[in-house]
Amino acid sequence: MEENIVCVVARDKHTGYVKTCTSCDIENANKCAKYYRSVGYNSQIVTYEKLHEILEKEKKERMNNMLFRS
């Protein structure tokens, strides 16, 4: 059952940072991704393992940006 659950990620078009995500089954993922695109986000359908990688990479990038601005 869990292999049917994915995460649809909405990313800001300008920064590329994750703004929100939604859990859904594979059958509804395209519909959810299409909605995010219609309201102005880039969307991506990922597994939770991939989401964790994306968020860790984003966290490191934001930390580096904070250090260089100080």
PDB file of N, CA and C in Angstrom:
ATOM      1  N   MET A   1       0.816  -1.203   0.000  1.00  0.00           N
ATOM      2  CA  MET A   1       0.000   0.000   0.000  1.00  0.00           C
ATOM      3  C   MET A   1       0.855   1.260   0.000  1.00  0.00           C
ATOM      4  N   GLU A   2       1.920   1.264   0.791  1.00  0.00           N
ATOM      5  CA  GLU A   2       2.747   2.473   0.879  1.00  0.00           C
ATOM      6  C   GLU A   2       3.443   2.811  -0.427  1.00  0.00           C
ATOM      7  N   GLU A   3       3.690   1.819  -1.275  1.00  0.00           N
ATOM      8  CA  GLU A   3       4.354   2.107  -2.541  1.00  0.00           C
ATOM      9  C   GLU A   3       3.459   2.901  -3.479  1.00  0.00           C
ATOM     10  N   ASN A   4       2.166   2.992  -3.176  1.00  0.00           N
ATOM     11  CA  ASN A   4       1.241   3.779  -3.989  1.00  0.00           C
ATOM     12  C   ASN A   4       1.145   5.227  -3.535  1.00  0.00           C
ATOM     13  N   ILE A   5       1.758   5.564  -2.405  1.00  0.00           N
ATOM     14  CA  ILE A   5       1.700   6.918  -1.875  1.00  0.00           C
ATOM     15  C   ILE A   5       2.939   7.691  -2.334  1.00  0.00           C
ATOM     16  N   VAL A   6       2.707   8.850  -2.906  1.00  0.00           N
ATOM     17  CA  VAL A   6       3.791   9.724  -3.356  1.00  0.00           C
ATOM     18  C   VAL A   6       3.561  11.123  -2.803  1.00  0.00           C
ATOM     19  N   CYS A   7       4.512  11.985  -3.040  1.00  0.00           N
ATOM     20  CA  CYS A   7       4.418  13.368  -2.602  1.00  0.00           C
ATOM     21  C   CYS A   7       4.492  14.264  -3.835  1.00  0.00           C
ATOM     22  N   VAL A   8       3.577  15.198  -3.932  1.00  0.00           N
ATOM     23  CA  VAL A   8       3.603  16.176  -5.014  1.00  0.00           C
ATOM     24  C   VAL A   8       4.146  17.468  -4.426  1.00  0.00           C
ATOM     25  N   VAL A   9       5.278  17.912  -4.955  1.00  0.00           N
ATOM     26  CA  VAL A   9       5.989  19.070  -4.430  1.00  0.00           C
ATOM     27  C   VAL A   9       5.710  20.284  -5.303  1.00  0.00           C
ATOM     28  N   ALA A  10       5.388  21.409  -4.663  1.00  0.00           N
ATOM     29  CA  ALA A  10       5.223  22.678  -5.374  1.00  0.00           C
ATOM     30  C   ALA A  10       6.445  23.536  -5.073  1.00  0.00           C
ATOM     31  N   ARG A  11       7.129  23.971  -6.128  1.00  0.00           N
ATOM     32  CA  ARG A  11       8.351  24.779  -5.980  1.00  0.00           C
ATOM     33  C   ARG A  11       8.129  26.175  -6.541  1.00  0.00           C
ATOM     34  N   ASP A  12       8.715  27.135  -5.867  1.00  0.00           N
ATOM     35  CA  ASP A  12       8.669  28.515  -6.335  1.00  0.00           C
ATOM     36  C   ASP A  12       9.398  28.600  -7.675  1.00  0.00           C
ATOM     37  N   LYS A  13       8.799  29.248  -8.650  1.00  0.00           N
ATOM     38  CA  LYS A  13       9.404  29.334  -9.985  1.00  0.00           C
ATOM     39  C   LYS A  13      10.685  30.161  -9.999  1.00  0.00           C
ATOM     40  N   HIS A  14      10.820  31.099  -9.083  1.00  0.00           N
ATOM     41  CA  HIS A  14      11.981  31.981  -9.094  1.00  0.00           C
ATOM     42  C   HIS A  14      13.147  31.429  -8.283  1.00  0.00           C
ATOM     43  N   THR A  15      12.860  30.888  -7.114  1.00  0.00           N
ATOM     44  CA  THR A  15      13.939  30.395  -6.247  1.00  0.00           C
ATOM     45  C   THR A  15      14.169  28.901  -6.380  1.00  0.00           C
ATOM     46  N   GLY A  16      13.150  28.167  -6.771  1.00  0.00           N
ATOM     47  CA  GLY A  16      13.263  26.718  -6.845  1.00  0.00           C
ATOM     48  C   GLY A  16      13.036  26.031  -5.511  1.00  0.00           C
ATOM     49  N   TYR A  17      12.808  26.822  -4.462  1.00  0.00           N
ATOM     50  CA  TYR A  17      12.598  26.250  -3.134  1.00  0.00           C
ATOM     51  C   TYR A  17      11.203  25.648  -3.014  1.00  0.00           C
ATOM     52  N   VAL A  18      11.116  24.599  -2.199  1.00  0.00           N
ATOM     53  CA  VAL A  18       9.841  23.933  -1.946  1.00  0.00           C
ATOM     54  C   VAL A  18       8.936  24.872  -1.153  1.00  0.00           C
ATOM     55  N   LYS A  19       7.733  25.074  -1.645  1.00  0.00           N
ATOM     56  CA  LYS A  19       6.758  25.912  -0.949  1.00  0.00           C
ATOM     57  C   LYS A  19       5.756  25.075  -0.178  1.00  0.00           C
ATOM     58  N   THR A  20       5.334  23.964  -0.765  1.00  0.00           N
ATOM     59  CA  THR A  20       4.380  23.068  -0.103  1.00  0.00           C
ATOM     60  C   THR A  20       4.454  21.708  -0.769  1.00  0.00           C
ATOM     61  N   CYS A  21       3.886  20.726  -0.112  1.00  0.00           N
ATOM     62  CA  CYS A  21       3.783  19.400  -0.723  1.00  0.00           C
ATOM     63  C   CYS A  21       2.504  18.728  -0.226  1.00  0.00           C
ATOM     64  N   THR A  22       2.040  17.778  -1.007  1.00  0.00           N
ATOM     65  CA  THR A  22       0.813  17.062  -0.703  1.00  0.00           C
ATOM     66  C   THR A  22       1.040  15.573  -0.883  1.00  0.00           C
ATOM     67  N   SER A  23       0.552  14.792   0.062  1.00  0.00           N
ATOM     68  CA  SER A  23       0.583  13.337  -0.068  1.00  0.00           C
ATOM     69  C   SER A  23      -0.640  12.894  -0.841  1.00  0.00           C
ATOM     70  N   CYS A  24      -0.432  11.978  -1.768  1.00  0.00           N
ATOM     71  CA  CYS A  24      -1.565  11.412  -2.488  1.00  0.00           C
ATOM     72  C   CYS A  24      -1.151  10.090  -3.105  1.00  0.00           C
ATOM     73  N   ASP A  25      -2.132   9.358  -3.601  1.00  0.00           N
ATOM     74  CA  ASP A  25      -1.786   8.108  -4.261  1.00  0.00           C
ATOM     75  C   ASP A  25      -1.378   8.399  -5.702  1.00  0.00           C
ATOM     76  N   ILE A  26      -0.743   7.430  -6.298  1.00  0.00           N
ATOM     77  CA  ILE A  26      -0.187   7.616  -7.636  1.00  0.00           C
ATOM     78  C   ILE A  26      -1.261   8.013  -8.645  1.00  0.00           C
ATOM     79  N   GLU A  27      -2.458   7.467  -8.490  1.00  0.00           N
ATOM     80  CA  GLU A  27      -3.533   7.742  -9.445  1.00  0.00           C
ATOM     81  C   GLU A  27      -3.934   9.223  -9.455  1.00  0.00           C
ATOM     82  N   ASN A  28      -3.828   9.913  -8.318  1.00  0.00           N
ATOM     83  CA  ASN A  28      -4.225  11.318  -8.234  1.00  0.00           C
ATOM     84  C   ASN A  28      -3.063  12.298  -8.324  1.00  0.00           C
ATOM     85  N   ALA A  29      -1.855  11.803  -8.422  1.00  0.00           N
ATOM     86  CA  ALA A  29      -0.670  12.668  -8.390  1.00  0.00           C
ATOM     87  C   ALA A  29      -0.640  13.657  -9.554  1.00  0.00           C
ATOM     88  N   ASN A  30      -0.972  13.212 -10.747  1.00  0.00           N
ATOM     89  CA  ASN A  30      -0.948  14.121 -11.897  1.00  0.00           C
ATOM     90  C   ASN A  30      -1.967  15.239 -11.759  1.00  0.00           C
ATOM     91  N   LYS A  31      -3.122  14.926 -11.220  1.00  0.00           N
ATOM     92  CA  LYS A  31      -4.155  15.947 -11.013  1.00  0.00           C
ATOM     93  C   LYS A  31      -3.676  17.006 -10.034  1.00  0.00           C
ATOM     94  N   CYS A  32      -3.042  16.571  -8.960  1.00  0.00           N
ATOM     95  CA  CYS A  32      -2.526  17.497  -7.952  1.00  0.00           C
ATOM     96  C   CYS A  32      -1.379  18.343  -8.530  1.00  0.00           C
ATOM     97  N   ALA A  33      -0.482  17.711  -9.281  1.00  0.00           N
ATOM     98  CA  ALA A  33       0.631  18.439  -9.900  1.00  0.00           C
ATOM     99  C   ALA A  33       0.113  19.477 -10.891  1.00  0.00           C
ATOM    100  N   LYS A  34      -0.910  19.111 -11.625  1.00  0.00           N
ATOM    101  CA  LYS A  34      -1.505  20.041 -12.590  1.00  0.00           C
ATOM    102  C   LYS A  34      -2.099  21.251 -11.871  1.00  0.00           C
ATOM    103  N   TYR A  35      -2.721  21.031 -10.723  1.00  0.00           N
ATOM    104  CA  TYR A  35      -3.271  22.138  -9.948  1.00  0.00           C
ATOM    105  C   TYR A  35      -2.158  23.090  -9.512  1.00  0.00           C
ATOM    106  N   TYR A  36      -1.071  22.542  -8.962  1.00  0.00           N
ATOM    107  CA  TYR A  36       0.035  23.404  -8.523  1.00  0.00           C
ATOM    108  C   TYR A  36       0.581  24.231  -9.684  1.00  0.00           C
ATOM    109  N   ARG A  37       0.687  23.626 -10.865  1.00  0.00           N
ATOM    110  CA  ARG A  37       1.165  24.383 -12.025  1.00  0.00           C
ATOM    111  C   ARG A  37       0.178  25.483 -12.410  1.00  0.00           C
ATOM    112  N   SER A  38      -1.104  25.207 -12.256  1.00  0.00           N
ATOM    113  CA  SER A  38      -2.117  26.197 -12.655  1.00  0.00           C
ATOM    114  C   SER A  38      -2.119  27.422 -11.742  1.00  0.00           C
ATOM    115  N   VAL A  39      -1.614  27.287 -10.508  1.00  0.00           N
ATOM    116  CA  VAL A  39      -1.576  28.429  -9.593  1.00  0.00           C
ATOM    117  C   VAL A  39      -0.186  29.062  -9.527  1.00  0.00           C
ATOM    118  N   GLY A  40       0.713  28.667 -10.449  1.00  0.00           N
ATOM    119  CA  GLY A  40       1.972  29.382 -10.584  1.00  0.00           C
ATOM    120  C   GLY A  40       3.212  28.732 -10.007  1.00  0.00           C
ATOM    121  N   TYR A  41       3.136  27.475  -9.637  1.00  0.00           N
ATOM    122  CA  TYR A  41       4.313  26.771  -9.119  1.00  0.00           C
ATOM    123  C   TYR A  41       4.837  25.787 -10.148  1.00  0.00           C
ATOM    124  N   ASN A  42       6.093  25.412 -10.006  1.00  0.00           N
ATOM    125  CA  ASN A  42       6.607  24.249 -10.703  1.00  0.00           C
ATOM    126  C   ASN A  42       6.271  23.062  -9.814  1.00  0.00           C
ATOM    127  N   SER A  43       5.875  21.949 -10.392  1.00  0.00           N
ATOM    128  CA  SER A  43       5.510  20.805  -9.565  1.00  0.00           C
ATOM    129  C   SER A  43       6.320  19.589  -9.961  1.00  0.00           C
ATOM    130  N   GLN A  44       6.438  18.688  -9.011  1.00  0.00           N
ATOM    131  CA  GLN A  44       7.225  17.480  -9.212  1.00  0.00           C
ATOM    132  C   GLN A  44       6.616  16.374  -8.356  1.00  0.00           C
ATOM    133  N   ILE A  45       6.504  15.185  -8.916  1.00  0.00           N
ATOM    134  CA  ILE A  45       6.004  14.029  -8.182  1.00  0.00           C
ATOM    135  C   ILE A  45       7.215  13.209  -7.739  1.00  0.00           C
ATOM    136  N   VAL A  46       7.343  13.004  -6.430  1.00  0.00           N
ATOM    137  CA  VAL A  46       8.520  12.317  -5.888  1.00  0.00           C
ATOM    138  C   VAL A  46       8.107  11.328  -4.803  1.00  0.00           C
ATOM    139  N   THR A  47       9.040  10.434  -4.488  1.00  0.00           N
ATOM    140  CA  THR A  47       8.866   9.557  -3.335  1.00  0.00           C
ATOM    141  C   THR A  47       9.282  10.334  -2.089  1.00  0.00           C
ATOM    142  N   TYR A  48       8.962   9.797  -0.939  1.00  0.00           N
ATOM    143  CA  TYR A  48       9.350  10.480   0.298  1.00  0.00           C
ATOM    144  C   TYR A  48      10.858  10.458   0.507  1.00  0.00           C
ATOM    145  N   GLU A  49      11.538   9.433   0.007  1.00  0.00           N
ATOM    146  CA  GLU A  49      13.000   9.401   0.095  1.00  0.00           C
ATOM    147  C   GLU A  49      13.610  10.544  -0.718  1.00  0.00           C
ATOM    148  N   LYS A  50      13.083  10.747  -1.921  1.00  0.00           N
ATOM    149  CA  LYS A  50      13.563  11.836  -2.775  1.00  0.00           C
ATOM    150  C   LYS A  50      13.223  13.195  -2.163  1.00  0.00           C
ATOM    151  N   LEU A  51      12.039  13.315  -1.556  1.00  0.00           N
ATOM    152  CA  LEU A  51      11.664  14.566  -0.895  1.00  0.00           C
ATOM    153  C   LEU A  51      12.656  14.896   0.211  1.00  0.00           C
ATOM    154  N   HIS A  52      13.046  13.898   0.983  1.00  0.00           N
ATOM    155  CA  HIS A  52      14.019  14.121   2.049  1.00  0.00           C
ATOM    156  C   HIS A  52      15.336  14.637   1.474  1.00  0.00           C
ATOM    157  N   GLU A  53      15.793  14.055   0.375  1.00  0.00           N
ATOM    158  CA  GLU A  53      17.027  14.513  -0.274  1.00  0.00           C
ATOM    159  C   GLU A  53      16.892  15.963  -0.747  1.00  0.00           C
ATOM    160  N   ILE A  54      15.770  16.291  -1.358  1.00  0.00           N
ATOM    161  CA  ILE A  54      15.527  17.649  -1.861  1.00  0.00           C
ATOM    162  C   ILE A  54      15.571  18.653  -0.709  1.00  0.00           C
ATOM    163  N   LEU A  55      14.901  18.317   0.400  1.00  0.00           N
ATOM    164  CA  LEU A  55      14.835  19.238   1.534  1.00  0.00           C
ATOM    165  C   LEU A  55      16.200  19.400   2.204  1.00  0.00           C
ATOM    166  N   GLU A  56      16.982  18.338   2.287  1.00  0.00           N
ATOM    167  CA  GLU A  56      18.331  18.441   2.866  1.00  0.00           C
ATOM    168  C   GLU A  56      19.225  19.316   1.996  1.00  0.00           C
ATOM    169  N   LYS A  57      19.148  19.137   0.693  1.00  0.00           N
ATOM    170  CA  LYS A  57      19.944  19.955  -0.231  1.00  0.00           C
ATOM    171  C   LYS A  57      19.543  21.425  -0.120  1.00  0.00           C
ATOM    172  N   GLU A  58      18.228  21.671  -0.052  1.00  0.00           N
ATOM    173  CA  GLU A  58      17.725  23.037   0.076  1.00  0.00           C
ATOM    174  C   GLU A  58      18.174  23.658   1.399  1.00  0.00           C
ATOM    175  N   LYS A  59      18.149  22.891   2.462  1.00  0.00           N
ATOM    176  CA  LYS A  59      18.584  23.374   3.776  1.00  0.00           C
ATOM    177  C   LYS A  59      20.046  23.812   3.740  1.00  0.00           C
ATOM    178  N   LYS A  60      20.906  22.992   3.139  1.00  0.00           N
ATOM    179  CA  LYS A  60      22.327  23.337   3.030  1.00  0.00           C
ATOM    180  C   LYS A  60      22.533  24.598   2.195  1.00  0.00           C
ATOM    181  N   GLU A  61      21.773  24.705   1.104  1.00  0.00           N
ATOM    182  CA  GLU A  61      21.880  25.885   0.241  1.00  0.00           C
ATOM    183  C   GLU A  61      21.462  27.149   0.979  1.00  0.00           C
ATOM    184  N   ARG A  62      20.366  27.063   1.734  1.00  0.00           N
ATOM    185  CA  ARG A  62      19.904  28.234   2.488  1.00  0.00           C
ATOM    186  C   ARG A  62      20.904  28.618   3.580  1.00  0.00           C
ATOM    187  N   MET A  63      21.491  27.634   4.229  1.00  0.00           N
ATOM    188  CA  MET A  63      22.488  27.917   5.267  1.00  0.00           C
ATOM    189  C   MET A  63      23.714  28.612   4.658  1.00  0.00           C
ATOM    190  N   ASN A  64      24.148  28.130   3.504  1.00  0.00           N
ATOM    191  CA  ASN A  64      25.286  28.766   2.825  1.00  0.00           C
ATOM    192  C   ASN A  64      24.950  30.197   2.437  1.00  0.00           C
ATOM    193  N   ASN A  65      23.744  30.426   1.966  1.00  0.00           N
ATOM    194  CA  ASN A  65      23.326  31.776   1.596  1.00  0.00           C
ATOM    195  C   ASN A  65      23.321  32.706   2.807  1.00  0.00           C
ATOM    196  N   MET A  66      22.895  32.191   3.949  1.00  0.00           N
ATOM    197  CA  MET A  66      22.874  33.006   5.165  1.00  0.00           C
ATOM    198  C   MET A  66      24.297  33.351   5.607  1.00  0.00           C
ATOM    199  N   LEU A  67      25.215  32.406   5.497  1.00  0.00           N
ATOM    200  CA  LEU A  67      26.590  32.638   5.910  1.00  0.00           C
ATOM    201  C   LEU A  67      27.280  33.667   5.033  1.00  0.00           C
ATOM    202  N   PHE A  68      27.030  33.615   3.734  1.00  0.00           N
ATOM    203  CA  PHE A  68      27.682  34.538   2.823  1.00  0.00           C
ATOM    204  C   PHE A  68      27.094  35.949   2.895  1.00  0.00           C
ATOM    205  N   ARG A  69      25.872  36.081   3.356  1.00  0.00           N
ATOM    206  CA  ARG A  69      25.265  37.393   3.459  1.00  0.00           C
ATOM    207  C   ARG A  69      25.677  38.114   4.737  1.00  0.00           C
ATOM    208  N   SER A  70      26.127  37.369   5.726  1.00  0.00           N
ATOM    209  CA  SER A  70      26.502  37.977   7.016  1.00  0.00           C
ATOM    210  C   SER A  70      27.815  38.686   6.955  1.00  0.00           C
TER     211      SER A  70
END
